[in-house]
Amino acid sequence: MTIQEHISLKPYNTFGLNAQARYFIKVESVQQLIEALSLDQYPNKFILGGGSNMLLTKDLDCLVIQVAIKGVEIIEQKENCVWVKASAGENWHEFVLWCLAHDFGGIENLSLIPGNVGTAPIQNIGAYGVEIKDTLESCEALNIATKTIETFTNAECKFDYRESIFKQEKKHAYVLVSATFKLTTSNHQLHMDYGAITSQLEMMQVKAPTIQDISKAVIAIRESKLPNPKDIGNSGSFFKNPIISKGHFEKLRENFPEIPSYTVSPNEVKVPAGWLIEKSGFKGKTFDQYGVHKKQALVLVNYGNARGLEIYNLAKLIQKTIQQLFGISIEMEVNII
């Protein structure tokens, strides 16, 4: 392990923001992670994963620890299922592709989501009707205070929509080092009802889809709507889809009959945040070096040399406008640093 000084974090965050780390260290094993966290001469530390779900609004005057622990292994296999353990530093999409190459099903709808395995459970990432919680069996996390590894079952992770215990009561208390998934090896359950998967499969002339076909369809849809962070800095969906009461929704529908929704419960519906942002006039809007993507209103972008604080202020303006127009509070999905 080597501690570097005054390191640009531009290559380490998908927004491509040029924030500086006062000190920087990469760890490639649990033991190295423990050693880095034990460096008392650096009292302030920041854990960095894939850099895909954060907005850096300032330089980090601390020790930035990048978790780059690698490894994927099959833990157990039975007649129709398999348990696969992936280390925190594995790229999420590459892990999905590894599973598909082995014909392991369950996470194909989560193809092309940026970030690493270690941050996926924290956010309970989800797309096209599937979330991490649907397949995650357990995860191992390092207790920062005790420097010991603890195992959290699916239930103990307290998953909710884009939420987990690691974003709430255990925030900053643990570092995830691995996640174990229970996947299918045959008789895969395909999830095609959400979004445009079915129509994309028809365009691909696929009549009997496999999990590999589902993945290809999801990738095609995402690539048609979402900018590649390598080309345009972004962090994917910036806002959560808000959940409102049916009464509130019915009142909104009087003025906006075209407003889309998804039923959450007998008394609640989910409204697409992208629709609200587009209806508010922000889709495709550009402010100097930053703005809202022209194809997907949920995505805020850095066109080159934007500052994180500028993007954050734009997000606040969007929130304020939607509250004024619709009486709806939309929550940022991205972590603000």
C-alpha atoms as a PDB file:
ATOM      1  CA  MET A   1       0.000   0.000   0.000  1.00  0.00           C
ATOM      2  CA  THR A   2       1.220   3.441  -0.928  1.00  0.00           C
ATOM      3  CA  ILE A   3      -0.258   6.686   0.313  1.00  0.00           C
ATOM      4  CA  GLN A   4      -0.340   9.349  -2.394  1.00  0.00           C
ATOM      5  CA  GLU A   5      -0.870  13.053  -1.916  1.00  0.00           C
ATOM      6  CA  HIS A   6      -2.908  15.656  -3.803  1.00  0.00           C
ATOM      7  CA  ILE A   7      -4.610  13.180  -6.132  1.00  0.00           C
ATOM      8  CA  SER A   8      -7.330  14.191  -8.588  1.00  0.00           C
ATOM      9  CA  LEU A   9     -10.478  12.137  -8.113  1.00  0.00           C
ATOM     10  CA  LYS A  10     -11.654  12.792 -11.675  1.00  0.00           C
ATOM     11  CA  PRO A  11     -10.873   9.205 -12.800  1.00  0.00           C
ATOM     12  CA  TYR A  12     -12.606   7.829  -9.699  1.00  0.00           C
ATOM     13  CA  ASN A  13     -16.082   9.375 -10.036  1.00  0.00           C
ATOM     14  CA  THR A  14     -18.476   8.875 -12.934  1.00  0.00           C
ATOM     15  CA  PHE A  15     -19.434  12.564 -12.948  1.00  0.00           C
ATOM     16  CA  GLY A  16     -15.814  13.243 -13.952  1.00  0.00           C
ATOM     17  CA  LEU A  17     -15.502  16.029 -11.396  1.00  0.00           C
ATOM     18  CA  ASN A  18     -11.993  17.263 -10.720  1.00  0.00           C
ATOM     19  CA  ALA A  19     -12.090  17.267  -6.906  1.00  0.00           C
ATOM     20  CA  GLN A  20      -8.813  16.649  -5.081  1.00  0.00           C
ATOM     21  CA  ALA A  21      -7.980  14.105  -2.383  1.00  0.00           C
ATOM     22  CA  ARG A  22      -5.414  15.331   0.145  1.00  0.00           C
ATOM     23  CA  TYR A  23      -4.318  11.722   0.679  1.00  0.00           C
ATOM     24  CA  PHE A  24      -5.219   8.631  -1.355  1.00  0.00           C
ATOM     25  CA  ILE A  25      -4.688   4.910  -0.895  1.00  0.00           C
ATOM     26  CA  LYS A  26      -5.920   1.833  -2.785  1.00  0.00           C
ATOM     27  CA  VAL A  27      -6.657  -1.347  -0.805  1.00  0.00           C
ATOM     28  CA  GLU A  28      -6.866  -4.749  -2.490  1.00  0.00           C
ATOM     29  CA  SER A  29      -7.636  -7.034   0.443  1.00  0.00           C
ATOM     30  CA  VAL A  30      -9.601  -6.981   3.676  1.00  0.00           C
ATOM     31  CA  GLN A  31      -6.337  -6.930   5.627  1.00  0.00           C
ATOM     32  CA  GLN A  32      -5.138  -3.862   3.715  1.00  0.00           C
ATOM     33  CA  LEU A  33      -8.494  -2.205   4.382  1.00  0.00           C
ATOM     34  CA  ILE A  34      -8.096  -2.853   8.110  1.00  0.00           C
ATOM     35  CA  GLU A  35      -4.558  -1.459   8.019  1.00  0.00           C
ATOM     36  CA  ALA A  36      -5.696   1.672   6.178  1.00  0.00           C
ATOM     37  CA  LEU A  37      -8.545   2.285   8.611  1.00  0.00           C
ATOM     38  CA  SER A  38      -6.064   1.866  11.475  1.00  0.00           C
ATOM     39  CA  LEU A  39      -3.817   4.718  10.308  1.00  0.00           C
ATOM     40  CA  ASP A  40      -4.354   7.015  13.279  1.00  0.00           C
ATOM     41  CA  GLN A  41      -2.232   9.793  11.766  1.00  0.00           C
ATOM     42  CA  TYR A  42      -5.112  10.301   9.319  1.00  0.00           C
ATOM     43  CA  PRO A  43      -8.110  10.846  11.621  1.00  0.00           C
ATOM     44  CA  ASN A  44     -10.491  11.727   8.773  1.00  0.00           C
ATOM     45  CA  LYS A  45     -11.121   9.018   6.197  1.00  0.00           C
ATOM     46  CA  PHE A  46     -13.445   8.609   3.218  1.00  0.00           C
ATOM     47  CA  ILE A  47     -14.372   5.243   1.693  1.00  0.00           C
ATOM     48  CA  LEU A  48     -14.499   5.237  -2.117  1.00  0.00           C
ATOM     49  CA  GLY A  49     -16.111   2.477  -4.151  1.00  0.00           C
ATOM     50  CA  GLY A  50     -16.879   2.716  -7.851  1.00  0.00           C
ATOM     51  CA  GLY A  51     -17.624   6.439  -7.621  1.00  0.00           C
ATOM     52  CA  SER A  52     -20.918   5.996  -9.459  1.00  0.00           C
ATOM     53  CA  ASN A  53     -23.414   7.260  -6.925  1.00  0.00           C
ATOM     54  CA  MET A  54     -21.858  10.397  -5.544  1.00  0.00           C
ATOM     55  CA  LEU A  55     -21.541  14.076  -6.345  1.00  0.00           C
ATOM     56  CA  LEU A  56     -18.293  15.648  -5.164  1.00  0.00           C
ATOM     57  CA  THR A  57     -18.997  19.280  -4.283  1.00  0.00           C
ATOM     58  CA  LYS A  58     -15.585  19.991  -2.731  1.00  0.00           C
ATOM     59  CA  ASP A  59     -12.031  18.756  -2.311  1.00  0.00           C
ATOM     60  CA  LEU A  60     -11.597  16.020   0.291  1.00  0.00           C
ATOM     61  CA  ASP A  61      -9.133  17.066   2.985  1.00  0.00           C
ATOM     62  CA  CYS A  62      -8.747  13.541   4.327  1.00  0.00           C
ATOM     63  CA  LEU A  63      -7.458  10.066   3.519  1.00  0.00           C
ATOM     64  CA  VAL A  64      -9.499   8.633   0.649  1.00  0.00           C
ATOM     65  CA  ILE A  65      -9.510   4.829   0.757  1.00  0.00           C
ATOM     66  CA  GLN A  66     -10.424   3.204  -2.539  1.00  0.00           C
ATOM     67  CA  VAL A  67     -11.803  -0.312  -2.034  1.00  0.00           C
ATOM     68  CA  ALA A  68     -10.433  -2.444  -4.890  1.00  0.00           C
ATOM     69  CA  ILE A  69     -10.886  -5.929  -3.420  1.00  0.00           C
ATOM     70  CA  LYS A  70     -11.424  -8.420  -6.265  1.00  0.00           C
ATOM     71  CA  GLY A  71     -12.745 -11.950  -6.582  1.00  0.00           C
ATOM     72  CA  VAL A  72     -15.804 -13.970  -7.627  1.00  0.00           C
ATOM     73  CA  GLU A  73     -16.447 -17.519  -6.416  1.00  0.00           C
ATOM     74  CA  ILE A  74     -19.204 -20.117  -6.330  1.00  0.00           C
ATOM     75  CA  ILE A  75     -19.982 -20.899  -2.686  1.00  0.00           C
ATOM     76  CA  GLU A  76     -22.576 -23.634  -3.127  1.00  0.00           C
ATOM     77  CA  GLN A  77     -24.681 -25.148  -5.887  1.00  0.00           C
ATOM     78  CA  LYS A  78     -27.858 -27.201  -5.740  1.00  0.00           C
ATOM     79  CA  GLU A  79     -30.305 -28.549  -8.295  1.00  0.00           C
ATOM     80  CA  ASN A  80     -31.778 -25.265  -9.455  1.00  0.00           C
ATOM     81  CA  CYS A  81     -29.789 -22.583  -7.661  1.00  0.00           C
ATOM     82  CA  VAL A  82     -26.294 -21.388  -6.929  1.00  0.00           C
ATOM     83  CA  TRP A  83     -24.740 -19.083  -4.348  1.00  0.00           C
ATOM     84  CA  VAL A  84     -22.141 -16.725  -5.803  1.00  0.00           C
ATOM     85  CA  LYS A  85     -19.914 -14.470  -3.702  1.00  0.00           C
ATOM     86  CA  ALA A  86     -18.438 -11.322  -5.246  1.00  0.00           C
ATOM     87  CA  SER A  87     -15.911  -8.997  -3.641  1.00  0.00           C
ATOM     88  CA  ALA A  88     -16.652  -5.312  -3.182  1.00  0.00           C
ATOM     89  CA  GLY A  89     -14.194  -4.033  -5.784  1.00  0.00           C
ATOM     90  CA  GLU A  90     -15.691  -6.016  -8.642  1.00  0.00           C
ATOM     91  CA  ASN A  91     -17.362  -3.895 -11.309  1.00  0.00           C
ATOM     92  CA  TRP A  92     -21.107  -4.552 -11.074  1.00  0.00           C
ATOM     93  CA  HIS A  93     -21.798  -4.904 -14.796  1.00  0.00           C
ATOM     94  CA  GLU A  94     -18.785  -7.176 -15.265  1.00  0.00           C
ATOM     95  CA  PHE A  95     -20.142  -9.345 -12.450  1.00  0.00           C
ATOM     96  CA  VAL A  96     -23.541  -9.519 -14.170  1.00  0.00           C
ATOM     97  CA  LEU A  97     -21.836 -10.604 -17.393  1.00  0.00           C
ATOM     98  CA  TRP A  98     -19.848 -13.257 -15.484  1.00  0.00           C
ATOM     99  CA  CYS A  99     -23.097 -14.667 -14.108  1.00  0.00           C
ATOM    100  CA  LEU A 100     -24.711 -14.667 -17.536  1.00  0.00           C
ATOM    101  CA  ALA A 101     -21.706 -16.464 -19.022  1.00  0.00           C
ATOM    102  CA  HIS A 102     -22.325 -19.202 -16.447  1.00  0.00           C
ATOM    103  CA  ASP A 103     -26.091 -19.108 -17.156  1.00  0.00           C
ATOM    104  CA  PHE A 104     -26.876 -17.906 -13.633  1.00  0.00           C
ATOM    105  CA  GLY A 105     -30.131 -15.943 -13.591  1.00  0.00           C
ATOM    106  CA  GLY A 106     -31.676 -13.283 -11.407  1.00  0.00           C
ATOM    107  CA  ILE A 107     -29.703 -10.088 -11.999  1.00  0.00           C
ATOM    108  CA  GLU A 108     -29.856  -9.778 -15.797  1.00  0.00           C
ATOM    109  CA  ASN A 109     -32.280  -6.827 -15.530  1.00  0.00           C
ATOM    110  CA  LEU A 110     -29.571  -4.971 -13.614  1.00  0.00           C
ATOM    111  CA  SER A 111     -27.172  -4.983 -16.571  1.00  0.00           C
ATOM    112  CA  LEU A 112     -25.098  -1.882 -17.328  1.00  0.00           C
ATOM    113  CA  ILE A 113     -25.735  -0.188 -13.980  1.00  0.00           C
ATOM    114  CA  PRO A 114     -22.514   1.689 -13.151  1.00  0.00           C
ATOM    115  CA  GLY A 115     -20.579   1.115  -9.936  1.00  0.00           C
ATOM    116  CA  ASN A 116     -19.090  -1.736  -7.958  1.00  0.00           C
ATOM    117  CA  VAL A 117     -20.520  -4.731  -6.114  1.00  0.00           C
ATOM    118  CA  GLY A 118     -19.661  -3.214  -2.724  1.00  0.00           C
ATOM    119  CA  THR A 119     -21.949  -0.221  -3.135  1.00  0.00           C
ATOM    120  CA  ALA A 120     -24.830  -2.022  -4.876  1.00  0.00           C
ATOM    121  CA  PRO A 121     -26.471  -3.344  -1.659  1.00  0.00           C
ATOM    122  CA  ILE A 122     -26.064   0.004   0.097  1.00  0.00           C
ATOM    123  CA  GLN A 123     -28.215   1.649  -2.553  1.00  0.00           C
ATOM    124  CA  ASN A 124     -30.391  -1.438  -3.189  1.00  0.00           C
ATOM    125  CA  ILE A 125     -29.871  -0.732  -6.871  1.00  0.00           C
ATOM    126  CA  GLY A 126     -32.760  -1.593  -9.126  1.00  0.00           C
ATOM    127  CA  ALA A 127     -33.966  -1.417 -12.710  1.00  0.00           C
ATOM    128  CA  TYR A 128     -36.758  -2.813 -14.865  1.00  0.00           C
ATOM    129  CA  GLY A 129     -38.705  -4.442 -12.054  1.00  0.00           C
ATOM    130  CA  VAL A 130     -35.739  -6.021 -10.234  1.00  0.00           C
ATOM    131  CA  GLU A 131     -33.770  -4.904  -7.171  1.00  0.00           C
ATOM    132  CA  ILE A 132     -30.680  -6.203  -5.370  1.00  0.00           C
ATOM    133  CA  LYS A 133     -32.866  -7.368  -2.492  1.00  0.00           C
ATOM    134  CA  ASP A 134     -34.510  -9.944  -4.772  1.00  0.00           C
ATOM    135  CA  THR A 135     -31.354 -12.064  -5.027  1.00  0.00           C
ATOM    136  CA  LEU A 136     -28.963 -10.957  -2.282  1.00  0.00           C
ATOM    137  CA  GLU A 137     -28.522 -13.709   0.296  1.00  0.00           C
ATOM    138  CA  SER A 138     -26.112 -11.859   2.588  1.00  0.00           C
ATOM    139  CA  CYS A 139     -23.218  -9.451   2.646  1.00  0.00           C
ATOM    140  CA  GLU A 140     -20.027  -9.192   4.647  1.00  0.00           C
ATOM    141  CA  ALA A 141     -19.109  -5.825   6.105  1.00  0.00           C
ATOM    142  CA  LEU A 142     -16.141  -4.568   8.079  1.00  0.00           C
ATOM    143  CA  ASN A 143     -17.127  -2.856  11.318  1.00  0.00           C
ATOM    144  CA  ILE A 144     -15.015   0.304  11.242  1.00  0.00           C
ATOM    145  CA  ALA A 145     -14.955   0.633  15.036  1.00  0.00           C
ATOM    146  CA  THR A 146     -14.023  -2.951  15.906  1.00  0.00           C
ATOM    147  CA  LYS A 147     -12.151  -3.845  12.663  1.00  0.00           C
ATOM    148  CA  THR A 148     -14.056  -7.149  12.516  1.00  0.00           C
ATOM    149  CA  ILE A 149     -16.097  -8.716   9.732  1.00  0.00           C
ATOM    150  CA  GLU A 150     -19.840  -9.084  10.326  1.00  0.00           C
ATOM    151  CA  THR A 151     -22.398 -10.856   8.146  1.00  0.00           C
ATOM    152  CA  PHE A 152     -25.751  -9.246   7.374  1.00  0.00           C
ATOM    153  CA  THR A 153     -28.601 -11.390   6.071  1.00  0.00           C
ATOM    154  CA  ASN A 154     -31.036 -10.032   3.515  1.00  0.00           C
ATOM    155  CA  ALA A 155     -33.540  -9.216   6.266  1.00  0.00           C
ATOM    156  CA  GLU A 156     -30.878  -7.541   8.401  1.00  0.00           C
ATOM    157  CA  CYS A 157     -29.998  -5.234   5.506  1.00  0.00           C
ATOM    158  CA  LYS A 158     -33.471  -3.656   5.895  1.00  0.00           C
ATOM    159  CA  PHE A 159     -33.892  -3.059   2.187  1.00  0.00           C
ATOM    160  CA  ASP A 160     -36.386  -0.548   0.889  1.00  0.00           C
ATOM    161  CA  TYR A 161     -36.722   1.456  -2.308  1.00  0.00           C
ATOM    162  CA  ARG A 162     -33.123   2.660  -2.911  1.00  0.00           C
ATOM    163  CA  GLU A 163     -32.487   2.210   0.795  1.00  0.00           C
ATOM    164  CA  SER A 164     -30.714  -0.132   3.195  1.00  0.00           C
ATOM    165  CA  ILE A 165     -29.471  -0.174   6.763  1.00  0.00           C
ATOM    166  CA  PHE A 166     -26.105   1.026   5.427  1.00  0.00           C
ATOM    167  CA  LYS A 167     -27.682   4.282   4.256  1.00  0.00           C
ATOM    168  CA  GLN A 168     -29.611   4.811   7.467  1.00  0.00           C
ATOM    169  CA  GLU A 169     -28.776   3.680  11.016  1.00  0.00           C
ATOM    170  CA  LYS A 170     -25.444   2.037  10.056  1.00  0.00           C
ATOM    171  CA  LYS A 171     -24.260   4.799   7.745  1.00  0.00           C
ATOM    172  CA  HIS A 172     -20.485   5.350   8.018  1.00  0.00           C
ATOM    173  CA  ALA A 173     -20.234   2.452  10.495  1.00  0.00           C
ATOM    174  CA  TYR A 174     -19.358  -0.335   8.034  1.00  0.00           C
ATOM    175  CA  VAL A 175     -17.489  -0.976   4.800  1.00  0.00           C
ATOM    176  CA  LEU A 176     -18.987  -3.701   2.629  1.00  0.00           C
ATOM    177  CA  VAL A 177     -16.335  -6.173   1.491  1.00  0.00           C
ATOM    178  CA  SER A 178     -18.424  -8.815  -0.310  1.00  0.00           C
ATOM    179  CA  ALA A 179     -21.944  -9.816  -1.285  1.00  0.00           C
ATOM    180  CA  THR A 180     -23.421 -13.270  -1.822  1.00  0.00           C
ATOM    181  CA  PHE A 181     -26.271 -13.821  -4.273  1.00  0.00           C
ATOM    182  CA  LYS A 182     -28.668 -16.727  -4.666  1.00  0.00           C
ATOM    183  CA  LEU A 183     -29.197 -17.179  -8.398  1.00  0.00           C
ATOM    184  CA  THR A 184     -31.004 -19.719 -10.555  1.00  0.00           C
ATOM    185  CA  THR A 185     -29.257 -22.270 -12.776  1.00  0.00           C
ATOM    186  CA  SER A 186     -32.360 -23.393 -14.704  1.00  0.00           C
ATOM    187  CA  ASN A 187     -36.059 -22.555 -15.032  1.00  0.00           C
ATOM    188  CA  HIS A 188     -35.120 -18.891 -14.856  1.00  0.00           C
ATOM    189  CA  GLN A 189     -37.874 -16.450 -13.962  1.00  0.00           C
ATOM    190  CA  LEU A 190     -37.850 -13.715 -16.590  1.00  0.00           C
ATOM    191  CA  HIS A 191     -38.912 -10.174 -15.704  1.00  0.00           C
ATOM    192  CA  MET A 192     -40.185  -8.487 -18.850  1.00  0.00           C
ATOM    193  CA  ASP A 193     -43.212  -6.511 -17.680  1.00  0.00           C
ATOM    194  CA  TYR A 194     -41.419  -3.307 -16.705  1.00  0.00           C
ATOM    195  CA  GLY A 195     -40.365  -0.630 -19.148  1.00  0.00           C
ATOM    196  CA  ALA A 196     -39.759  -1.388 -22.818  1.00  0.00           C
ATOM    197  CA  ILE A 197     -38.163  -4.829 -22.477  1.00  0.00           C
ATOM    198  CA  THR A 198     -40.918  -6.676 -24.377  1.00  0.00           C
ATOM    199  CA  SER A 199     -40.923  -4.232 -27.286  1.00  0.00           C
ATOM    200  CA  GLN A 200     -37.116  -4.254 -27.404  1.00  0.00           C
ATOM    201  CA  LEU A 201     -37.141  -8.062 -27.608  1.00  0.00           C
ATOM    202  CA  GLU A 202     -39.620  -7.807 -30.483  1.00  0.00           C
ATOM    203  CA  MET A 203     -37.282  -5.397 -32.256  1.00  0.00           C
ATOM    204  CA  MET A 204     -34.512  -7.924 -31.708  1.00  0.00           C
ATOM    205  CA  GLN A 205     -36.822 -10.601 -33.191  1.00  0.00           C
ATOM    206  CA  VAL A 206     -36.485 -12.729 -30.071  1.00  0.00           C
ATOM    207  CA  LYS A 207     -39.509 -14.974 -29.527  1.00  0.00           C
ATOM    208  CA  ALA A 208     -38.213 -17.270 -26.777  1.00  0.00           C
ATOM    209  CA  PRO A 209     -36.000 -15.010 -24.670  1.00  0.00           C
ATOM    210  CA  THR A 210     -33.222 -16.244 -22.414  1.00  0.00           C
ATOM    211  CA  ILE A 211     -31.657 -14.377 -19.513  1.00  0.00           C
ATOM    212  CA  GLN A 212     -28.903 -13.370 -21.931  1.00  0.00           C
ATOM    213  CA  ASP A 213     -31.522 -11.878 -24.260  1.00  0.00           C
ATOM    214  CA  ILE A 214     -33.059  -9.932 -21.377  1.00  0.00           C
ATOM    215  CA  SER A 215     -29.634  -8.508 -20.566  1.00  0.00           C
ATOM    216  CA  LYS A 216     -29.035  -7.503 -24.184  1.00  0.00           C
ATOM    217  CA  ALA A 217     -32.449  -5.825 -24.312  1.00  0.00           C
ATOM    218  CA  VAL A 218     -31.791  -3.897 -21.098  1.00  0.00           C
ATOM    219  CA  ILE A 219     -28.369  -2.815 -22.362  1.00  0.00           C
ATOM    220  CA  ALA A 220     -29.889  -1.604 -25.642  1.00  0.00           C
ATOM    221  CA  ILE A 221     -32.578   0.369 -23.808  1.00  0.00           C
ATOM    222  CA  ARG A 222     -30.123   1.929 -21.368  1.00  0.00           C
ATOM    223  CA  GLU A 223     -27.664   2.851 -24.116  1.00  0.00           C
ATOM    224  CA  SER A 224     -30.466   4.522 -26.100  1.00  0.00           C
ATOM    225  CA  LYS A 225     -31.526   6.659 -23.129  1.00  0.00           C
ATOM    226  CA  LEU A 226     -28.569   7.114 -20.827  1.00  0.00           C
ATOM    227  CA  PRO A 227     -25.216   8.757 -21.572  1.00  0.00           C
ATOM    228  CA  ASN A 228     -22.064   6.713 -21.114  1.00  0.00           C
ATOM    229  CA  PRO A 229     -20.100   8.256 -18.201  1.00  0.00           C
ATOM    230  CA  LYS A 230     -16.946   7.806 -20.296  1.00  0.00           C
ATOM    231  CA  ASP A 231     -18.409  10.270 -22.803  1.00  0.00           C
ATOM    232  CA  ILE A 232     -20.512  12.574 -20.616  1.00  0.00           C
ATOM    233  CA  GLY A 233     -20.041  12.733 -16.845  1.00  0.00           C
ATOM    234  CA  ASN A 234     -23.099  11.546 -14.948  1.00  0.00           C
ATOM    235  CA  SER A 235     -24.238   9.316 -12.124  1.00  0.00           C
ATOM    236  CA  GLY A 236     -27.259   7.693 -13.729  1.00  0.00           C
ATOM    237  CA  SER A 237     -30.601   8.480 -12.126  1.00  0.00           C
ATOM    238  CA  PHE A 238     -30.093  11.490  -9.868  1.00  0.00           C
ATOM    239  CA  PHE A 239     -33.520  11.414  -8.190  1.00  0.00           C
ATOM    240  CA  LYS A 240     -35.754   8.746  -6.699  1.00  0.00           C
ATOM    241  CA  ASN A 241     -39.239   8.234  -8.087  1.00  0.00           C
ATOM    242  CA  PRO A 242     -41.536   9.774  -5.460  1.00  0.00           C
ATOM    243  CA  ILE A 243     -44.354   7.830  -3.813  1.00  0.00           C
ATOM    244  CA  ILE A 244     -47.503   9.839  -3.143  1.00  0.00           C
ATOM    245  CA  SER A 245     -51.007   9.127  -1.889  1.00  0.00           C
ATOM    246  CA  LYS A 246     -53.713   8.112  -4.342  1.00  0.00           C
ATOM    247  CA  GLY A 247     -55.726  11.126  -3.249  1.00  0.00           C
ATOM    248  CA  HIS A 248     -52.880  13.469  -4.167  1.00  0.00           C
ATOM    249  CA  PHE A 249     -52.431  11.655  -7.473  1.00  0.00           C
ATOM    250  CA  GLU A 250     -56.125  11.944  -8.376  1.00  0.00           C
ATOM    251  CA  LYS A 251     -56.017  15.691  -7.765  1.00  0.00           C
ATOM    252  CA  LEU A 252     -52.928  16.010  -9.974  1.00  0.00           C
ATOM    253  CA  ARG A 253     -54.624  14.005 -12.700  1.00  0.00           C
ATOM    254  CA  GLU A 254     -57.368  16.622 -12.918  1.00  0.00           C
ATOM    255  CA  ASN A 255     -54.799  19.104 -14.256  1.00  0.00           C
ATOM    256  CA  PHE A 256     -52.405  16.590 -15.803  1.00  0.00           C
ATOM    257  CA  PRO A 257     -54.510  13.711 -17.205  1.00  0.00           C
ATOM    258  CA  GLU A 258     -51.460  12.203 -18.887  1.00  0.00           C
ATOM    259  CA  ILE A 259     -49.466  11.818 -15.642  1.00  0.00           C
ATOM    260  CA  PRO A 260     -48.064   8.263 -15.448  1.00  0.00           C
ATOM    261  CA  SER A 261     -48.000   6.157 -12.285  1.00  0.00           C
ATOM    262  CA  TYR A 262     -47.269   2.713 -10.845  1.00  0.00           C
ATOM    263  CA  THR A 263     -49.340   1.219  -8.044  1.00  0.00           C
ATOM    264  CA  VAL A 264     -47.335   0.679  -4.853  1.00  0.00           C
ATOM    265  CA  SER A 265     -50.139  -0.167  -2.431  1.00  0.00           C
ATOM    266  CA  PRO A 266     -53.924   0.294  -2.216  1.00  0.00           C
ATOM    267  CA  ASN A 267     -53.333   3.840  -1.029  1.00  0.00           C
ATOM    268  CA  GLU A 268     -50.077   4.847  -2.746  1.00  0.00           C
ATOM    269  CA  VAL A 269     -48.686   5.298  -6.245  1.00  0.00           C
ATOM    270  CA  LYS A 270     -45.196   5.937  -7.601  1.00  0.00           C
ATOM    271  CA  VAL A 271     -44.811   8.798 -10.057  1.00  0.00           C
ATOM    272  CA  PRO A 272     -41.810   8.835 -12.440  1.00  0.00           C
ATOM    273  CA  ALA A 273     -39.483  11.642 -11.385  1.00  0.00           C
ATOM    274  CA  GLY A 274     -38.290  11.916 -14.979  1.00  0.00           C
ATOM    275  CA  TRP A 275     -41.804  12.864 -16.104  1.00  0.00           C
ATOM    276  CA  LEU A 276     -42.058  15.518 -13.383  1.00  0.00           C
ATOM    277  CA  ILE A 277     -38.678  16.991 -14.352  1.00  0.00           C
ATOM    278  CA  GLU A 278     -39.547  16.999 -18.053  1.00  0.00           C
ATOM    279  CA  LYS A 279     -42.959  18.556 -17.375  1.00  0.00           C
ATOM    280  CA  SER A 280     -41.174  21.237 -15.337  1.00  0.00           C
ATOM    281  CA  GLY A 281     -39.184  22.235 -18.417  1.00  0.00           C
ATOM    282  CA  PHE A 282     -35.743  20.993 -17.385  1.00  0.00           C
ATOM    283  CA  LYS A 283     -35.208  18.132 -19.837  1.00  0.00           C
ATOM    284  CA  GLY A 284     -32.310  18.967 -22.153  1.00  0.00           C
ATOM    285  CA  LYS A 285     -31.657  22.285 -20.446  1.00  0.00           C
ATOM    286  CA  THR A 286     -27.991  23.318 -20.426  1.00  0.00           C
ATOM    287  CA  PHE A 287     -26.253  25.675 -18.018  1.00  0.00           C
ATOM    288  CA  ASP A 288     -22.700  26.417 -19.159  1.00  0.00           C
ATOM    289  CA  GLN A 289     -20.811  23.114 -18.567  1.00  0.00           C
ATOM    290  CA  TYR A 290     -23.657  21.167 -16.939  1.00  0.00           C
ATOM    291  CA  GLY A 291     -27.330  20.452 -17.304  1.00  0.00           C
ATOM    292  CA  VAL A 292     -30.103  17.859 -17.697  1.00  0.00           C
ATOM    293  CA  HIS A 293     -29.636  15.155 -20.306  1.00  0.00           C
ATOM    294  CA  LYS A 294     -31.618  15.632 -23.504  1.00  0.00           C
ATOM    295  CA  LYS A 295     -32.875  12.024 -23.622  1.00  0.00           C
ATOM    296  CA  GLN A 296     -33.421  11.255 -19.941  1.00  0.00           C
ATOM    297  CA  ALA A 297     -34.572  13.972 -17.552  1.00  0.00           C
ATOM    298  CA  LEU A 298     -33.545  11.916 -14.510  1.00  0.00           C
ATOM    299  CA  VAL A 299     -29.879  12.303 -15.445  1.00  0.00           C
ATOM    300  CA  LEU A 300     -27.877  15.404 -14.565  1.00  0.00           C
ATOM    301  CA  VAL A 301     -24.676  15.731 -16.566  1.00  0.00           C
ATOM    302  CA  ASN A 302     -21.232  17.293 -16.563  1.00  0.00           C
ATOM    303  CA  TYR A 303     -20.317  18.330 -20.103  1.00  0.00           C
ATOM    304  CA  GLY A 304     -16.658  18.806 -19.261  1.00  0.00           C
ATOM    305  CA  ASN A 305     -15.524  21.233 -16.617  1.00  0.00           C
ATOM    306  CA  ALA A 306     -18.497  21.697 -14.320  1.00  0.00           C
ATOM    307  CA  ARG A 307     -18.120  21.964 -10.572  1.00  0.00           C
ATOM    308  CA  GLY A 308     -20.023  19.645  -8.287  1.00  0.00           C
ATOM    309  CA  LEU A 309     -21.591  22.548  -6.437  1.00  0.00           C
ATOM    310  CA  GLU A 310     -23.105  23.836  -9.690  1.00  0.00           C
ATOM    311  CA  ILE A 311     -24.764  20.481 -10.354  1.00  0.00           C
ATOM    312  CA  TYR A 312     -25.971  20.333  -6.756  1.00  0.00           C
ATOM    313  CA  ASN A 313     -27.555  23.783  -7.034  1.00  0.00           C
ATOM    314  CA  LEU A 314     -29.312  22.688 -10.225  1.00  0.00           C
ATOM    315  CA  ALA A 315     -30.674  19.645  -8.384  1.00  0.00           C
ATOM    316  CA  LYS A 316     -31.986  21.910  -5.613  1.00  0.00           C
ATOM    317  CA  LEU A 317     -33.657  24.167  -8.201  1.00  0.00           C
ATOM    318  CA  ILE A 318     -35.358  21.133  -9.789  1.00  0.00           C
ATOM    319  CA  GLN A 319     -36.607  19.998  -6.379  1.00  0.00           C
ATOM    320  CA  LYS A 320     -37.965  23.452  -5.573  1.00  0.00           C
ATOM    321  CA  THR A 321     -39.718  23.782  -8.946  1.00  0.00           C
ATOM    322  CA  ILE A 322     -41.407  20.375  -8.705  1.00  0.00           C
ATOM    323  CA  GLN A 323     -42.576  21.131  -5.169  1.00  0.00           C
ATOM    324  CA  GLN A 324     -44.125  24.382  -6.389  1.00  0.00           C
ATOM    325  CA  LEU A 325     -45.777  22.884  -9.492  1.00  0.00           C
ATOM    326  CA  PHE A 326     -46.958  19.520  -8.189  1.00  0.00           C
ATOM    327  CA  GLY A 327     -46.689  19.647  -4.399  1.00  0.00           C
ATOM    328  CA  ILE A 328     -44.306  16.681  -4.587  1.00  0.00           C
ATOM    329  CA  SER A 329     -40.951  16.365  -2.850  1.00  0.00           C
ATOM    330  CA  ILE A 330     -38.430  14.417  -4.895  1.00  0.00           C
ATOM    331  CA  GLU A 331     -35.407  13.023  -3.108  1.00  0.00           C
ATOM    332  CA  MET A 332     -31.872  12.901  -4.445  1.00  0.00           C
ATOM    333  CA  GLU A 333     -30.682   9.353  -5.035  1.00  0.00           C
ATOM    334  CA  VAL A 334     -27.046  10.404  -5.366  1.00  0.00           C
ATOM    335  CA  ASN A 335     -24.897  10.899  -2.258  1.00  0.00           C
ATOM    336  CA  ILE A 336     -23.788  14.508  -1.884  1.00  0.00           C
ATOM    337  CA  ILE A 337     -20.187  14.785  -0.659  1.00  0.00           C
END
